[in-house]
Amino acid sequence: MTHGNTAPEELDADPAASHERPTAVVVGGGIAGVTAALSLADGGMDVTLLEGRPRLGGLAFSFKRGDLTVDNGQHVYLRCCTAYRWFLDRIDATSLAPLQERLDVPVLDAEKNRLGRLRRTALPVPLHLARSLATYPHLSLAERANVGRAALALKGLDLTDPALDERDFGSWLAEHGQSQRAIEALWDLVGVATLNAVAGESSLGLAAMVFKTGLLSDPGAADIGWARVPLGELHDTLARKALDTAGVRTELRTRVTSISRTENGRWAVEVPEGPDGSGRIVTADTVVLAVPQRETHDLLPDGALDDQDRLLGIGTAPILNLHVVYDRKVLKRPFFTALGSPVQWVFDRTDASGLTEGQYLAVSQSAAQDEIDAPVAVLRERYLPELERLLPAARGAKIHDFFVTRERTATFAPTPGVGALRPSARTRASGLYLAGAWTATGWPATMESAVRSGVSAADAALAALGRPRGHLYREAA
C-alpha cells in the first residue's frame, strides 16, 4: 500500500547486517512481541521491533496520575507459569515480582462477615489442599466432599481431547455435584480471575487446563506472584533494556499499515511516515505479527491462514479496575478476595505506586461486561460502601482519590469452541508467524500465554532457518 503519490522508501531492517544474519521484524511490543524479539535475537537474528504505542508492555502497563504510578490493572502469575518466570529472569526482573512461599488466599464472606483461607501444605497432590478444603468455612461439609470428588474427576480429563473445548465448564460442574454456592465460593473464585469468564461461559477445556495445571499438578503450582513495582518498570523499562542489550532495534509510535511479499520473496512491512502521506518499507526475511486478533486479521495477506475470518470469531472480554486512595491504612493484608459482594479481588498497591501517606487499593473486576461502561459516579456509589462493608477500618476514612481504568478488550473470551478458532504460530506463508495470548498456546489469555506464544513463534521461525533452539522457559520449572 502506498500513500498519496509518494512512493515508500524501501529500507532493510538493518542494511549493515542484512547480508550477515537473517533479519526479522516483530510487529507489536506487548509481552508476546517482546518475547518473540528477544528469542529471535538470542537465536542469532537481526531484529527490529515496531510498536504503535509510545511504550512497551501491551495491556500490562503503568501510567502517572499526579504523584502516583498506576498500573492499568492488577496482574498476577503462578509458580506454574514457567514461561513468564523465564521472561522475568530474561529481563532481570525476578526479584521485583516474587512468589508467595506457599499459596495463601484470604476469602472474606461479606454476608456472614467470615474469613476463610485457601492454603496449601507441603504434602503431595492432592493432599496439599486437603486441610484447607476440610476447614473451608464457606462451604458445607457435603459441598466440600463433592468438591473433592469433582477435583478427582477433573484430574482424570484428557486435555488433548478436542471435545472438552465444545462443552462449558458450568454444566460439567453441575453434572459432578457442584452446587451454585460451591461454584461461586470456589470454582468461580479461581476461574473468573484466570479465565475472565464465569464457569457457564467458559470452555471446559480451558477451565480443566487451569485447574489441572494450577491446583492438581504440583503442590506449589498455584503459589501467587505479583509485581512489587509498577508494571511499566518490568514490561517497558527493563524489557527495553533487555532488547537493547540483545541488539534489537525498537521503534515506538510506529504503526504498521500493511505487510506483503516483495519480488525477491522477502517480507515488506509498511510504516506511514510524515504528514505528506509518504511511507517507509522495512524488509525482512521473517515477520512475527504479535498484535490482537482483529488487527492480525486486517494485516494478514490473503491465504496466510485457512479460513482467516475465523479470527473474527474469537471474542473479547473486559476487565474493570477501580482505584481508591484512602487517607489511612484500611487493609492489613497484601490482598484478599470476597464472596457475597460485587467486589472480587482487592490488592494493596501503596508501596508500588509511590504513595507515602494513606493507602491505595486496586479492585480488580474480571468478566465485567455489565459494568465496563458504567459512569465513574455510579461505580463509586456502588463500590465504596462495599469496601466499607468488607473493611471496617475504611468506615469514616477520607477518600483522597477514586478513579477507574477500563480494558474493554482485555482478553479473548474463553467461550466453548474458541479452541478451534485459535491459530498456531505458523501460517501458510513462509516466514510469517503469529504471536499473542489469543493464539493456540493451550492457556487462557494470561501473561504466561503471551510469553509462550512469543517463544513458539520465534522457535518456529528459527527452525525454518535451520536454527532450532527449543523451549528455554522449561528451565524455569
Protein backbone atom coordinates (compact mmCIF):
# COMPACT_ATOMS: atom_id res chain seq x y z
CA MET A 1 0.00 0.00 0.00
CA THR A 2 1.24 3.49 -0.81
CA HIS A 3 0.01 6.81 0.46
CA GLY A 4 -0.76 9.65 -1.94
CA ASN A 5 1.63 9.92 -4.87
CA THR A 6 4.78 9.40 -2.85
CA ALA A 7 6.42 6.01 -3.22
CA PRO A 8 7.52 4.43 0.04
CA GLU A 9 11.22 4.41 0.76
CA GLU A 10 12.43 0.81 0.89
CA LEU A 11 14.81 0.01 3.73
CA ASP A 12 16.22 -3.20 5.10
CA ALA A 13 15.64 -3.98 8.77
CA ASP A 14 19.38 -3.34 9.18
CA PRO A 15 21.27 -2.59 5.94
CA ALA A 16 24.64 -3.09 7.60
CA ALA A 17 23.83 -6.54 8.92
CA SER A 18 21.36 -7.89 6.37
CA HIS A 19 23.97 -9.84 4.41
CA GLU A 20 25.43 -11.44 7.52
CA ARG A 21 22.42 -12.52 9.55
CA PRO A 22 18.80 -13.29 8.70
CA THR A 23 16.51 -10.39 9.54
CA ALA A 24 13.20 -10.27 11.34
CA VAL A 25 10.53 -7.68 12.06
CA VAL A 26 8.24 -8.15 15.05
CA VAL A 27 5.02 -6.14 14.87
CA GLY A 28 3.72 -5.36 18.36
CA GLY A 29 5.56 -4.57 21.59
CA GLY A 30 3.38 -6.30 24.15
CA ILE A 31 4.73 -9.18 26.20
CA ALA A 32 4.31 -11.59 23.27
CA GLY A 33 6.16 -9.30 20.87
CA VAL A 34 8.96 -8.52 23.31
CA THR A 35 9.38 -12.25 23.97
CA ALA A 36 9.49 -13.04 20.25
CA ALA A 37 12.03 -10.29 19.60
CA LEU A 38 14.31 -11.40 22.44
CA SER A 39 14.06 -15.05 21.41
CA LEU A 40 14.80 -14.29 17.75
CA ALA A 41 17.78 -12.15 18.74
CA ASP A 42 19.01 -14.86 21.09
CA GLY A 43 18.79 -17.23 18.12
CA GLY A 44 21.14 -15.07 16.08
CA MET A 45 18.72 -12.99 14.01
CA ASP A 46 18.86 -9.28 13.34
CA VAL A 47 15.59 -7.99 14.81
CA THR A 48 13.51 -4.82 14.57
CA LEU A 49 10.52 -4.37 16.88
CA LEU A 50 7.75 -1.99 15.80
CA GLU A 51 5.19 -0.77 18.35
CA GLY A 52 2.43 1.75 17.71
CA ARG A 53 2.18 2.97 21.30
CA PRO A 54 4.74 5.24 22.98
CA ARG A 55 5.70 2.36 25.32
CA LEU A 56 6.15 -1.38 25.51
CA GLY A 57 4.08 -3.78 27.60
CA GLY A 58 0.78 -4.04 25.73
CA LEU A 59 -2.11 -4.30 28.19
CA ALA A 60 0.14 -4.74 31.23
CA PHE A 61 1.40 -1.19 31.69
CA SER A 62 1.63 1.77 34.06
CA PHE A 63 0.87 5.46 33.85
CA LYS A 64 1.24 8.55 36.01
CA ARG A 65 -1.65 10.16 37.87
CA GLY A 66 -0.28 13.08 39.81
CA ASP A 67 2.36 11.66 42.14
CA LEU A 68 1.03 8.12 41.76
CA THR A 69 2.37 5.50 39.37
CA VAL A 70 -0.69 3.42 38.50
CA ASP A 71 -0.97 0.02 36.84
CA ASN A 72 -3.84 -0.16 34.36
CA GLY A 73 -4.91 -3.35 36.12
CA GLN A 74 -3.72 -5.88 38.65
CA HIS A 75 -1.76 -8.71 37.05
CA VAL A 76 -0.62 -11.84 38.87
CA TYR A 77 1.06 -15.07 37.84
CA LEU A 78 1.51 -18.51 39.40
CA ARG A 79 4.51 -20.69 40.11
CA CYS A 80 3.35 -23.00 37.30
CA CYS A 81 3.77 -20.10 34.85
CA THR A 82 7.23 -21.26 33.86
CA ALA A 83 7.33 -19.22 30.65
CA TYR A 84 6.53 -15.92 32.36
CA ARG A 85 9.05 -16.78 35.07
CA TRP A 86 11.64 -17.30 32.33
CA PHE A 87 10.64 -13.93 30.87
CA LEU A 88 11.13 -12.19 34.24
CA ASP A 89 14.54 -13.78 34.52
CA ARG A 90 15.40 -12.83 30.93
CA ILE A 91 14.70 -9.14 31.62
CA ASP A 92 16.36 -9.30 35.06
CA ALA A 93 13.12 -8.69 36.96
CA THR A 94 12.57 -11.86 39.02
CA SER A 95 13.31 -10.17 42.34
CA LEU A 96 10.76 -7.44 41.58
CA ALA A 97 7.82 -9.86 41.21
CA PRO A 98 8.33 -12.51 43.90
CA LEU A 99 6.12 -15.52 44.56
CA GLN A 100 4.42 -16.45 47.81
CA GLU A 101 6.31 -19.08 49.77
CA ARG A 102 3.06 -21.05 49.81
CA LEU A 103 -0.39 -20.43 48.37
CA ASP A 104 -2.48 -18.41 50.81
CA VAL A 105 -5.64 -16.64 49.65
CA PRO A 106 -7.83 -14.84 52.22
CA VAL A 107 -11.51 -15.24 51.24
CA LEU A 108 -13.94 -12.91 53.02
CA ASP A 109 -17.68 -13.65 53.01
CA ALA A 110 -19.31 -10.23 53.15
CA GLU A 111 -22.75 -11.53 54.11
CA LYS A 112 -21.57 -13.58 57.09
CA ASN A 113 -18.51 -11.48 57.91
CA ARG A 114 -16.47 -14.67 57.96
CA LEU A 115 -12.89 -15.10 56.78
CA GLY A 116 -11.70 -18.32 55.19
CA ARG A 117 -8.41 -19.20 53.57
CA LEU A 118 -7.32 -21.29 50.63
CA ARG A 119 -3.89 -22.51 51.67
CA ARG A 120 -1.63 -25.36 50.76
CA THR A 121 0.70 -27.53 52.76
CA ALA A 122 3.90 -29.25 51.63
CA LEU A 123 2.07 -32.58 51.20
CA PRO A 124 1.87 -34.11 47.72
CA VAL A 125 -1.07 -33.51 45.37
CA PRO A 126 -4.00 -33.69 46.14
CA LEU A 127 -3.33 -33.80 49.89
CA HIS A 128 -1.67 -30.37 49.73
CA LEU A 129 -5.14 -28.75 49.73
CA ALA A 130 -6.97 -31.32 51.88
CA ARG A 131 -6.62 -29.47 55.19
CA SER A 132 -7.66 -26.16 53.65
CA LEU A 133 -10.70 -27.71 51.98
CA ALA A 134 -11.71 -29.59 55.12
CA THR A 135 -11.83 -26.37 57.13
CA TYR A 136 -13.07 -24.02 54.41
CA PRO A 137 -15.94 -22.22 56.15
CA HIS A 138 -17.75 -21.01 53.05
CA LEU A 139 -18.98 -24.49 52.06
CA SER A 140 -20.96 -27.12 53.93
CA LEU A 141 -19.43 -30.47 54.79
CA ALA A 142 -21.32 -32.12 51.93
CA GLU A 143 -20.23 -29.41 49.47
CA ARG A 144 -16.59 -29.87 50.50
CA ALA A 145 -16.82 -33.60 49.91
CA ASN A 146 -18.39 -33.03 46.50
CA VAL A 147 -15.63 -30.59 45.60
CA GLY A 148 -13.07 -33.29 46.29
CA ARG A 149 -14.87 -35.76 44.05
CA ALA A 150 -15.17 -33.18 41.24
CA ALA A 151 -11.47 -32.38 41.54
CA LEU A 152 -10.58 -36.03 41.09
CA ALA A 153 -12.86 -36.22 38.03
CA LEU A 154 -11.22 -33.07 36.65
CA LYS A 155 -7.78 -34.56 37.19
CA GLY A 156 -8.82 -37.51 35.02
CA LEU A 157 -9.77 -35.40 31.99
CA ASP A 158 -7.56 -35.62 28.90
CA LEU A 159 -6.60 -32.07 27.95
CA THR A 160 -5.80 -33.19 24.40
CA ASP A 161 -9.43 -34.23 23.83
CA PRO A 162 -10.94 -31.59 21.50
CA ALA A 163 -14.42 -32.47 22.75
CA LEU A 164 -13.62 -30.65 26.02
CA ASP A 165 -13.46 -27.37 24.15
CA GLU A 166 -17.06 -27.78 22.95
CA ARG A 167 -18.52 -28.04 26.47
CA ASP A 168 -18.96 -25.36 29.07
CA PHE A 169 -17.40 -25.73 32.48
CA GLY A 170 -20.55 -24.77 34.40
CA SER A 171 -22.68 -27.66 33.10
CA TRP A 172 -19.81 -30.08 33.76
CA LEU A 173 -19.58 -28.87 37.36
CA ALA A 174 -23.33 -29.27 37.81
CA GLU A 175 -23.14 -32.82 36.47
CA HIS A 176 -20.45 -33.54 39.04
CA GLY A 177 -22.48 -32.46 42.03
CA GLN A 178 -21.37 -28.87 42.41
CA SER A 179 -23.93 -26.56 43.99
CA GLN A 180 -24.29 -22.95 42.90
CA ARG A 181 -22.70 -21.95 46.21
CA ALA A 182 -19.70 -24.21 45.56
CA ILE A 183 -19.26 -22.73 42.10
CA GLU A 184 -19.39 -19.20 43.49
CA ALA A 185 -17.24 -19.81 46.57
CA LEU A 186 -14.54 -21.91 44.97
CA TRP A 187 -14.62 -22.70 41.25
CA ASP A 188 -15.51 -19.20 40.02
CA LEU A 189 -13.29 -17.65 42.68
CA VAL A 190 -10.33 -19.08 40.78
CA GLY A 191 -11.87 -19.38 37.32
CA VAL A 192 -13.12 -15.83 36.86
CA ALA A 193 -9.72 -14.42 37.82
CA THR A 194 -7.80 -16.70 35.45
CA LEU A 195 -10.25 -17.18 32.58
CA ASN A 196 -12.06 -13.81 32.71
CA ALA A 197 -15.41 -15.61 32.49
CA VAL A 198 -17.80 -17.42 34.79
CA ALA A 199 -17.97 -21.21 34.65
CA GLY A 200 -21.08 -21.31 32.48
CA GLU A 201 -19.40 -19.20 29.80
CA SER A 202 -16.00 -20.93 29.87
CA SER A 203 -14.68 -23.74 27.72
CA LEU A 204 -14.33 -26.93 29.75
CA GLY A 205 -11.00 -27.50 28.00
CA LEU A 206 -9.53 -24.19 29.16
CA ALA A 207 -11.01 -24.49 32.65
CA ALA A 208 -9.67 -28.03 33.04
CA MET A 209 -6.25 -26.83 31.94
CA VAL A 210 -6.28 -24.06 34.57
CA PHE A 211 -7.33 -26.28 37.46
CA LYS A 212 -5.26 -29.31 36.49
CA THR A 213 -2.12 -27.25 35.99
CA GLY A 214 -2.59 -24.80 38.84
CA LEU A 215 -4.09 -26.96 41.58
CA LEU A 216 -3.60 -30.59 40.65
CA SER A 217 -0.12 -30.86 39.13
CA ASP A 218 2.38 -29.88 41.82
CA PRO A 219 1.92 -28.71 45.42
CA GLY A 220 3.41 -25.29 44.71
CA ALA A 221 1.93 -24.75 41.26
CA ALA A 222 -0.68 -22.19 42.39
CA ASP A 223 1.58 -20.07 44.61
CA ILE A 224 0.84 -16.47 43.57
CA GLY A 225 3.34 -13.89 42.38
CA TRP A 226 2.83 -10.23 41.52
CA ALA A 227 4.92 -7.16 40.82
CA ARG A 228 6.01 -5.12 43.83
CA VAL A 229 6.91 -2.29 41.46
CA PRO A 230 4.85 -0.67 38.68
CA LEU A 231 4.25 -2.98 35.72
CA GLY A 232 5.85 -0.42 33.45
CA GLU A 233 9.16 -0.91 35.22
CA LEU A 234 9.06 -4.57 34.19
CA HIS A 235 7.36 -4.68 30.81
CA ASP A 236 8.60 -1.34 29.47
CA THR A 237 11.79 -0.14 31.19
CA LEU A 238 13.50 -3.47 31.88
CA ALA A 239 12.13 -5.06 28.73
CA ARG A 240 13.54 -2.20 26.66
CA LYS A 241 16.90 -2.58 28.40
CA ALA A 242 16.94 -6.30 27.61
CA LEU A 243 16.02 -5.63 23.99
CA ASP A 244 18.77 -3.02 23.66
CA THR A 245 21.32 -5.40 25.16
CA ALA A 246 20.23 -8.14 22.77
CA GLY A 247 20.74 -5.79 19.82
CA VAL A 248 17.05 -5.40 18.95
CA ARG A 249 16.14 -2.06 17.36
CA THR A 250 12.93 -0.86 18.98
CA GLU A 251 10.76 1.76 17.30
CA LEU A 252 7.88 3.16 19.32
CA ARG A 253 4.99 5.23 17.92
CA THR A 254 5.42 3.20 14.75
CA ARG A 255 2.17 1.81 13.39
CA VAL A 256 2.32 -0.87 10.70
CA THR A 257 -0.28 -0.46 7.95
CA SER A 258 0.41 -3.48 5.74
CA ILE A 259 2.68 -6.44 5.10
CA SER A 260 3.29 -8.03 1.74
CA ARG A 261 5.76 -10.12 -0.27
CA THR A 262 8.49 -8.42 -2.24
CA GLU A 263 9.53 -9.60 -5.70
CA ASN A 264 12.50 -11.46 -4.26
CA GLY A 265 10.33 -13.34 -1.75
CA ARG A 266 11.15 -11.33 1.35
CA TRP A 267 8.59 -9.52 3.50
CA ALA A 268 7.79 -5.83 3.19
CA VAL A 269 6.38 -4.12 6.26
CA GLU A 270 4.92 -0.70 5.56
CA VAL A 271 5.02 2.11 8.09
CA PRO A 272 3.47 5.53 7.30
CA GLU A 273 5.78 8.49 7.74
CA GLY A 274 5.05 12.15 8.00
CA PRO A 275 2.00 14.34 7.23
CA ASP A 276 2.58 14.22 3.47
CA GLY A 277 1.49 10.60 3.30
CA SER A 278 4.92 9.28 2.41
CA GLY A 279 5.71 5.80 3.63
CA ARG A 280 8.60 3.63 4.64
CA ILE A 281 9.07 -0.05 3.85
CA VAL A 282 11.08 -2.26 6.17
CA THR A 283 12.06 -5.55 4.56
CA ALA A 284 12.97 -8.75 6.37
CA ASP A 285 13.25 -12.50 5.96
CA THR A 286 10.84 -13.15 8.81
CA VAL A 287 7.83 -11.30 10.23
CA VAL A 288 6.09 -12.04 13.53
CA LEU A 289 2.67 -10.46 13.99
CA ALA A 290 2.21 -10.02 17.74
CA VAL A 291 -0.94 -7.90 17.77
CA PRO A 292 -4.59 -8.60 18.73
CA GLN A 293 -6.65 -10.97 16.63
CA ARG A 294 -8.66 -8.35 14.73
CA GLU A 295 -5.57 -6.35 13.87
CA THR A 296 -3.87 -9.56 12.81
CA HIS A 297 -6.81 -10.37 10.57
CA ASP A 298 -6.52 -6.99 8.86
CA LEU A 299 -2.76 -7.30 8.31
CA LEU A 300 -2.58 -10.91 7.13
CA PRO A 301 -2.09 -11.39 3.39
CA ASP A 302 -4.83 -13.37 1.68
CA GLY A 303 -4.37 -17.11 2.07
CA ALA A 304 -1.98 -16.89 5.02
CA LEU A 305 -4.45 -18.94 7.11
CA ASP A 306 -7.16 -21.43 6.30
CA ASP A 307 -10.40 -19.51 6.86
CA GLN A 308 -8.78 -16.29 8.05
CA ASP A 309 -12.17 -14.91 9.04
CA ARG A 310 -12.24 -17.36 11.93
CA LEU A 311 -10.04 -14.86 13.78
CA LEU A 312 -13.05 -12.54 13.86
CA GLY A 313 -14.95 -15.24 15.74
CA ILE A 314 -12.57 -15.01 18.70
CA GLY A 315 -14.46 -12.69 21.01
CA THR A 316 -13.12 -10.40 23.70
CA ALA A 317 -13.88 -9.94 27.39
CA PRO A 318 -13.44 -6.81 29.54
CA ILE A 319 -11.74 -6.17 32.87
CA LEU A 320 -12.61 -3.20 35.07
CA ASN A 321 -10.27 -1.82 37.73
CA LEU A 322 -11.30 0.58 40.48
CA HIS A 323 -8.61 2.61 42.24
CA VAL A 324 -9.20 4.03 45.72
CA VAL A 325 -6.78 6.17 47.72
CA TYR A 326 -7.61 6.43 51.45
CA ASP A 327 -6.18 8.84 53.98
CA ARG A 328 -5.24 5.93 56.26
CA LYS A 329 -4.42 2.24 56.22
CA VAL A 330 -7.63 0.20 55.90
CA LEU A 331 -6.28 -3.20 54.78
CA LYS A 332 -3.57 -5.13 56.63
CA ARG A 333 -3.14 -7.95 54.10
CA PRO A 334 -1.48 -7.60 50.69
CA PHE A 335 -4.70 -8.81 49.03
CA PHE A 336 -7.97 -10.64 49.56
CA THR A 337 -10.96 -11.86 47.57
CA ALA A 338 -14.62 -11.52 48.51
CA LEU A 339 -17.83 -13.55 48.40
CA GLY A 340 -21.38 -12.21 48.69
CA SER A 341 -20.25 -8.88 47.27
CA PRO A 342 -19.73 -7.35 43.83
CA VAL A 343 -16.10 -6.87 44.90
CA GLN A 344 -13.85 -9.60 43.51
CA TRP A 345 -10.13 -9.14 44.29
CA VAL A 346 -8.55 -6.26 46.23
CA PHE A 347 -4.80 -5.53 46.25
CA ASP A 348 -2.73 -3.07 48.26
CA ARG A 349 -0.72 -1.06 45.73
CA THR A 350 0.51 1.62 48.15
CA ASP A 351 4.25 0.95 48.03
CA ALA A 352 4.35 0.11 44.33
CA SER A 353 2.59 3.36 43.40
CA GLY A 354 4.94 5.59 45.39
CA LEU A 355 2.22 6.76 47.78
CA THR A 356 3.79 7.95 51.05
CA GLU A 357 0.68 8.67 53.14
CA GLY A 358 -2.56 6.71 53.42
CA GLN A 359 -3.28 3.57 51.42
CA TYR A 360 -4.02 2.85 47.77
CA LEU A 361 -6.20 -0.16 46.96
CA ALA A 362 -6.84 -1.59 43.49
CA VAL A 363 -10.09 -3.52 43.00
CA SER A 364 -9.88 -5.93 40.05
CA GLN A 365 -13.17 -6.91 38.42
CA SER A 366 -12.97 -9.60 35.75
CA ALA A 367 -15.80 -10.61 33.40
CA ALA A 368 -17.10 -7.05 33.82
CA GLN A 369 -19.45 -6.92 30.83
CA ASP A 370 -22.27 -5.40 32.88
CA GLU A 371 -20.17 -2.57 34.32
CA ILE A 372 -17.40 -1.82 31.86
CA ASP A 373 -19.16 1.31 30.57
CA ALA A 374 -20.77 2.40 33.83
CA PRO A 375 -20.10 6.05 34.79
CA VAL A 376 -17.47 6.65 37.46
CA ALA A 377 -20.09 8.17 39.76
CA VAL A 378 -22.22 5.00 39.58
CA LEU A 379 -19.23 2.78 40.29
CA ARG A 380 -18.18 4.98 43.19
CA GLU A 381 -21.66 4.81 44.72
CA ARG A 382 -21.73 1.05 44.39
CA TYR A 383 -18.22 0.04 45.44
CA LEU A 384 -17.18 2.41 48.20
CA PRO A 385 -19.95 1.17 50.54
CA GLU A 386 -18.99 -2.40 49.64
CA LEU A 387 -15.39 -1.76 50.64
CA GLU A 388 -16.60 -0.30 53.91
CA ARG A 389 -18.72 -3.42 54.46
CA LEU A 390 -15.69 -5.65 53.84
CA LEU A 391 -13.14 -3.45 55.60
CA PRO A 392 -14.40 -1.90 58.84
CA ALA A 393 -11.30 0.31 59.00
CA ALA A 394 -12.50 2.05 55.82
CA ARG A 395 -15.60 3.37 57.59
CA GLY A 396 -15.02 7.02 58.23
CA ALA A 397 -11.79 7.12 56.23
CA LYS A 398 -11.44 10.00 53.82
CA ILE A 399 -11.25 9.24 50.12
CA HIS A 400 -8.41 11.20 48.55
CA ASP A 401 -9.00 9.79 45.07
CA PHE A 402 -11.28 7.39 43.22
CA PHE A 403 -10.77 6.60 39.56
CA VAL A 404 -11.40 3.82 37.08
CA THR A 405 -9.40 2.08 34.36
CA ARG A 406 -11.20 0.05 31.73
CA GLU A 407 -9.85 -2.56 29.36
CA ARG A 408 -12.81 -3.35 27.12
CA THR A 409 -10.90 -5.98 25.16
CA ALA A 410 -8.62 -7.15 27.97
CA THR A 411 -8.59 -10.82 26.96
CA PHE A 412 -10.01 -13.15 24.39
CA ALA A 413 -13.32 -14.66 25.53
CA PRO A 414 -12.72 -18.30 26.62
CA THR A 415 -16.10 -19.47 25.34
CA PRO A 416 -16.81 -23.07 24.32
CA GLY A 417 -15.47 -23.68 20.83
CA VAL A 418 -12.78 -20.99 20.97
CA GLY A 419 -10.02 -23.58 20.85
CA ALA A 420 -10.86 -24.46 17.25
CA LEU A 421 -10.53 -20.78 16.28
CA ARG A 422 -7.13 -20.08 17.82
CA PRO A 423 -4.34 -20.35 15.21
CA SER A 424 -0.89 -21.80 15.78
CA ALA A 425 2.29 -19.76 15.42
CA ARG A 426 2.87 -20.97 11.86
CA THR A 427 0.94 -19.63 8.89
CA ARG A 428 0.71 -20.93 5.33
CA ALA A 429 3.03 -18.13 4.24
CA SER A 430 6.70 -18.97 4.59
CA GLY A 431 8.45 -16.67 7.04
CA LEU A 432 5.26 -15.25 8.56
CA TYR A 433 4.33 -16.18 12.14
CA LEU A 434 1.73 -15.24 14.75
CA ALA A 435 2.07 -14.49 18.45
CA GLY A 436 -0.28 -13.28 21.15
CA ALA A 437 -2.04 -14.69 24.19
CA TRP A 438 -5.04 -15.41 21.94
CA THR A 439 -3.12 -17.87 19.72
CA ALA A 440 -3.13 -21.64 20.30
CA THR A 441 -0.98 -21.87 23.40
CA GLY A 442 -3.37 -24.10 25.34
CA TRP A 443 -3.56 -21.41 28.05
CA PRO A 444 -6.19 -18.73 28.68
CA ALA A 445 -5.35 -15.08 28.00
CA THR A 446 -2.61 -14.58 30.58
CA MET A 447 0.90 -13.20 30.64
CA GLU A 448 2.02 -16.83 30.58
CA SER A 449 0.14 -17.43 27.34
CA ALA A 450 1.67 -14.29 25.83
CA VAL A 451 5.22 -15.41 26.59
CA ARG A 452 4.57 -18.95 25.34
CA SER A 453 3.21 -17.56 22.10
CA GLY A 454 6.26 -15.37 21.56
CA VAL A 455 8.63 -18.27 22.19
CA SER A 456 6.61 -20.55 19.89
CA ALA A 457 6.69 -18.03 17.06
CA ALA A 458 10.43 -17.47 17.46
CA ASP A 459 11.14 -21.20 17.68
CA ALA A 460 9.14 -21.87 14.51
CA ALA A 461 10.98 -19.08 12.66
CA LEU A 462 14.39 -20.25 13.82
CA ALA A 463 13.63 -23.89 12.99
CA ALA A 464 12.63 -22.87 9.46
CA LEU A 465 16.03 -21.22 9.09
CA GLY A 466 17.83 -24.29 10.40
CA ARG A 467 18.44 -22.78 13.84
CA PRO A 468 16.29 -24.91 16.17
CA ARG A 469 16.52 -23.69 19.74
CA GLY A 470 13.96 -25.45 21.95
CA HIS A 471 11.78 -24.05 24.74
CA LEU A 472 14.21 -22.38 27.09
CA TYR A 473 11.49 -21.47 29.57
CA ARG A 474 11.26 -25.08 30.71
CA GLU A 475 14.41 -24.37 32.69
CA ALA A 476 12.31 -22.15 34.98
CA ALA A 477 10.21 -25.08 36.20
